[in-house]
C-alpha atoms as a PDB file:
ATOM      1  CA  ARG A   1     -11.927 158.073 162.274  1.00  0.00           C
ATOM      2  CA  TYR A   2      -8.268 158.758 161.494  1.00  0.00           C
ATOM      3  CA  LYS A   3      -8.522 162.227 159.936  1.00  0.00           C
ATOM      4  CA  ASP A   4      -6.866 163.830 162.945  1.00  0.00           C
ATOM      5  CA  MET A   5      -4.438 161.003 163.602  1.00  0.00           C
ATOM      6  CA  ASP A   6      -1.184 162.270 165.092  1.00  0.00           C
ATOM      7  CA  SER A   7      -2.708 165.678 165.700  1.00  0.00           C
ATOM      8  CA  PRO A   8      -0.724 167.729 168.194  1.00  0.00           C
ATOM      9  CA  LEU A   9      -4.064 168.709 169.731  1.00  0.00           C
ATOM     10  CA  LYS A  10      -4.841 165.291 171.213  1.00  0.00           C
ATOM     11  CA  PRO A  11      -2.962 162.290 172.557  1.00  0.00           C
ATOM     12  CA  ARG A  12      -2.561 159.216 170.360  1.00  0.00           C
ATOM     13  CA  ASP A  13      -4.761 156.238 171.154  1.00  0.00           C
ATOM     14  CA  GLU A  14      -3.544 152.634 170.849  1.00  0.00           C
ATOM     15  CA  ASP A  15      -5.213 152.052 167.452  1.00  0.00           C
ATOM     16  CA  GLU A  16      -3.470 155.119 166.029  1.00  0.00           C
ATOM     17  CA  ARG A  17      -0.176 154.090 167.578  1.00  0.00           C
ATOM     18  CA  ALA A  18      -0.463 150.608 166.040  1.00  0.00           C
ATOM     19  CA  LEU A  19      -1.364 152.005 162.616  1.00  0.00           C
ATOM     20  CA  LEU A  20       1.517 154.482 162.674  1.00  0.00           C
ATOM     21  CA  GLN A  21       3.913 151.745 163.792  1.00  0.00           C
ATOM     22  CA  GLU A  22       2.744 149.586 160.891  1.00  0.00           C
ATOM     23  CA  LEU A  23       3.404 152.435 158.446  1.00  0.00           C
ATOM     24  CA  VAL A  24       6.833 153.149 159.920  1.00  0.00           C
ATOM     25  CA  ALA A  25       7.786 149.458 159.833  1.00  0.00           C
ATOM     26  CA  ALA A  26       6.746 149.197 156.174  1.00  0.00           C
ATOM     27  CA  GLN A  27       8.809 152.272 155.255  1.00  0.00           C
ATOM     28  CA  HIS A  28      11.760 150.925 157.222  1.00  0.00           C
ATOM     29  CA  GLU A  29      11.635 147.660 155.263  1.00  0.00           C
ATOM     30  CA  LYS A  30      11.469 149.620 152.003  1.00  0.00           C
ATOM     31  CA  PHE A  31      14.487 151.679 153.091  1.00  0.00           C
ATOM     32  CA  VAL A  32      16.477 148.531 153.903  1.00  0.00           C
ATOM     33  CA  GLU A  33      15.519 147.064 150.525  1.00  0.00           C
ATOM     34  CA  VAL A  34      16.508 150.216 148.601  1.00  0.00           C
ATOM     35  CA  VAL A  35      19.849 150.525 150.409  1.00  0.00           C
ATOM     36  CA  LYS A  36      20.602 146.818 149.935  1.00  0.00           C
ATOM     37  CA  THR A  37      19.828 147.105 146.203  1.00  0.00           C
ATOM     38  CA  GLY A  38      22.006 150.206 145.828  1.00  0.00           C
ATOM     39  CA  ARG A  39      24.812 148.829 147.989  1.00  0.00           C
ATOM     40  CA  PRO A  40      25.125 145.181 146.867  1.00  0.00           C
ATOM     41  CA  ARG A  41      28.397 144.715 148.759  1.00  0.00           C
ATOM     42  CA  MET A  42      26.617 145.347 152.059  1.00  0.00           C
ATOM     43  CA  THR A  43      24.916 142.438 153.737  1.00  0.00           C
ATOM     44  CA  THR A  44      21.320 142.775 154.844  1.00  0.00           C
ATOM     45  CA  ARG A  45      22.577 142.563 158.447  1.00  0.00           C
ATOM     46  CA  GLU A  46      24.960 145.490 157.845  1.00  0.00           C
ATOM     47  CA  VAL A  47      22.147 147.565 156.348  1.00  0.00           C
ATOM     48  CA  ARG A  48      19.800 146.742 159.238  1.00  0.00           C
ATOM     49  CA  ASP A  49      22.509 147.659 161.760  1.00  0.00           C
ATOM     50  CA  LEU A  50      22.874 151.073 160.084  1.00  0.00           C
ATOM     51  CA  ALA A  51      19.122 151.621 159.680  1.00  0.00           C
ATOM     52  CA  ASP A  52      18.313 152.175 163.333  1.00  0.00           C
ATOM     53  CA  GLY A  53      16.287 155.364 162.831  1.00  0.00           C
ATOM     54  CA  ARG A  54      18.801 157.928 163.971  1.00  0.00           C
ATOM     55  CA  ILE A  55      19.793 160.927 161.898  1.00  0.00           C
ATOM     56  CA  ILE A  56      23.407 160.933 160.746  1.00  0.00           C
ATOM     57  CA  SER A  57      25.525 163.548 159.036  1.00  0.00           C
ATOM     58  CA  ALA A  58      26.448 163.299 155.375  1.00  0.00           C
ATOM     59  CA  GLN A  59      30.069 162.691 156.368  1.00  0.00           C
ATOM     60  CA  GLU A  60      29.079 159.799 158.639  1.00  0.00           C
ATOM     61  CA  ALA A  61      26.858 158.385 155.881  1.00  0.00           C
ATOM     62  CA  GLN A  62      29.857 158.460 153.562  1.00  0.00           C
ATOM     63  CA  GLU A  63      32.100 156.833 156.178  1.00  0.00           C
ATOM     64  CA  ARG A  64      29.509 154.081 156.672  1.00  0.00           C
ATOM     65  CA  GLY A  65      29.262 153.443 152.927  1.00  0.00           C
ATOM     66  CA  LEU A  66      25.740 154.791 152.439  1.00  0.00           C
ATOM     67  CA  ILE A  67      26.771 157.542 150.014  1.00  0.00           C
ATOM     68  CA  ASP A  68      29.651 157.795 147.565  1.00  0.00           C
ATOM     69  CA  LYS A  69      30.450 161.475 147.540  1.00  0.00           C
ATOM     70  CA  LEU A  70      29.601 164.692 149.361  1.00  0.00           C
ATOM     71  CA  GLY A  71      28.482 167.704 147.362  1.00  0.00           C
ATOM     72  CA  TYR A  72      26.026 170.505 146.903  1.00  0.00           C
ATOM     73  CA  LEU A  73      23.129 170.856 144.484  1.00  0.00           C
ATOM     74  CA  ASP A  74      25.345 172.571 141.903  1.00  0.00           C
ATOM     75  CA  ASP A  75      27.729 169.602 142.089  1.00  0.00           C
ATOM     76  CA  ALA A  76      24.796 167.310 141.313  1.00  0.00           C
ATOM     77  CA  TYR A  77      23.794 169.478 138.340  1.00  0.00           C
ATOM     78  CA  GLN A  78      27.368 169.342 137.075  1.00  0.00           C
ATOM     79  CA  ARG A  79      27.452 165.550 137.405  1.00  0.00           C
ATOM     80  CA  ILE A  80      24.095 165.215 135.621  1.00  0.00           C
ATOM     81  CA  SER A  81      25.467 167.310 132.762  1.00  0.00           C
ATOM     82  CA  GLU A  82      28.558 165.112 132.545  1.00  0.00           C
ATOM     83  CA  LEU A  83      26.622 161.841 132.607  1.00  0.00           C
ATOM     84  CA  SER A  84      23.916 162.973 130.177  1.00  0.00           C
ATOM     85  CA  GLY A  85      26.227 164.606 127.671  1.00  0.00           C
ATOM     86  CA  PHE A  86      24.144 167.793 127.764  1.00  0.00           C
ATOM     87  CA  SER A  87      25.775 171.091 128.558  1.00  0.00           C
ATOM     88  CA  ARG A  88      24.732 172.894 131.713  1.00  0.00           C
ATOM     89  CA  ASN A  89      23.048 175.436 129.444  1.00  0.00           C
ATOM     90  CA  ARG A  90      20.444 172.795 128.538  1.00  0.00           C
ATOM     91  CA  LEU A  91      19.693 171.822 132.131  1.00  0.00           C
ATOM     92  CA  VAL A  92      16.289 173.122 133.229  1.00  0.00           C
ATOM     93  CA  ARG A  93      15.639 173.626 136.926  1.00  0.00           C
ATOM     94  CA  TYR A  94      12.079 173.771 138.199  1.00  0.00           C
ATOM     95  CA  ALA A  95      11.436 175.503 141.499  1.00  0.00           C
ATOM     96  CA  ASN A  96       8.901 174.229 143.976  1.00  0.00           C
ATOM     97  CA  ALA A  97       6.973 177.298 145.078  1.00  0.00           C
ATOM     98  CA  TRP A  98       4.888 175.504 147.706  1.00  0.00           C
ATOM     99  CA  HIS A  99       5.815 173.798 150.927  1.00  0.00           C
ATOM    100  CA  THR A 100       3.904 173.111 154.126  1.00  0.00           C
ATOM    101  CA  GLY A 101       5.271 176.216 155.805  1.00  0.00           C
ATOM    102  CA  ASN A 102       3.358 178.358 153.307  1.00  0.00           C
ATOM    103  CA  ASN A 103      -0.148 177.241 154.158  1.00  0.00           C
ATOM    104  CA  ILE A 104      -2.660 179.452 155.946  1.00  0.00           C
ATOM    105  CA  TYR A 105      -2.706 177.234 159.032  1.00  0.00           C
ATOM    106  CA  SER A 106       1.033 177.013 159.664  1.00  0.00           C
ATOM    107  CA  ASN A 107       1.156 180.002 162.010  1.00  0.00           C
ATOM    108  CA  ALA A 108      -2.509 180.235 163.002  1.00  0.00           C
ATOM    109  CA  PHE A 109      -1.855 179.427 166.650  1.00  0.00           C
ATOM    110  CA  PRO A 110       0.991 178.005 168.707  1.00  0.00           C
ATOM    111  CA  VAL A 111       0.591 174.344 169.579  1.00  0.00           C
ATOM    112  CA  GLU A 112       2.592 172.247 171.976  1.00  0.00           C
ATOM    113  CA  PRO A 113       2.494 168.680 170.642  1.00  0.00           C
ATOM    114  CA  PHE A 114       1.751 165.794 172.969  1.00  0.00           C
ATOM    115  CA  SER A 115       4.805 163.686 173.578  1.00  0.00           C
ATOM    116  CA  ASP A 116       4.786 159.987 174.232  1.00  0.00           C
END
């Protein structure tokens, strides 16, 4: 019944909308819980006020207290090396060779998604 749920080829029905809303609400609660655990100085109200679903820049996230420091992937590798005590020469990086843009259906035909 739900195999094609949220397909861009058909409009969403109310059952699908309700199921998707349930999933989104559950993930939102998990996000609030994870942020609250990682930011114990923030109140649950403060976390909920920040977690309104909009996308924010890394700089804004830092200003709002959601992240500690801005950096690139190489900065993260450097920090991992420092914290672990291993030299960067011992750090192994695995590349992910697959993503959804590489599947045979990704460019099969142009589709305009239904908007709600």
